[in-house]
Amino acid sequence: MTTITVASTFIPIDDVEEALGFYRDVLGYEVYNDVELEGMHWITLGTPSQPDLSVVLESVGAGGAPADREVLSDLLAKGILGRIVFATDDCDATFEKLRAAGAEVLQEPMDQFWGVRDCAFRDPAGNALRFQQRT
């Protein structure tokens, strides 16, 4: 059987410096690539603990028509465009770190019936982020 894995996940952003301040400086991801091309901007991030997975921050609506970018920007501002679930080995410590960094709290740590302890935040662009620890 062929093995299929996730290579990259894309997170829409509206401010490169704010996004880098969060994903690089708070979460600890390393910048692998920073590309501007034909009106698009994307930054590839990664971590040594998952060398085959890239998190790509991209300008909201990159490569799309101006009207599409406007609609996507509105959805991003409402916090309903992007979301991602991160795994952590300590949900409570992760929560405290992100709260201390000023991230907007959506949910404090709690045990879920499906076998994880998780919490949730918004990144600077409004994307919903969950951090889960297997229990």
Foldseek 3Di string as FASTA:
>chain_A
DDDDDAQEDEDEAADVVLQCCPVCVQVNWDWPDWDDDDNKTKTWTHDPVCVRYIYIYIHQQPPHDPVNSVVRLVCLQVLNRAEDEAEDQDAQVSQVSCVVVPFAWPAHWDADPVFWTKTWTAGPSNHIYMYIYGD
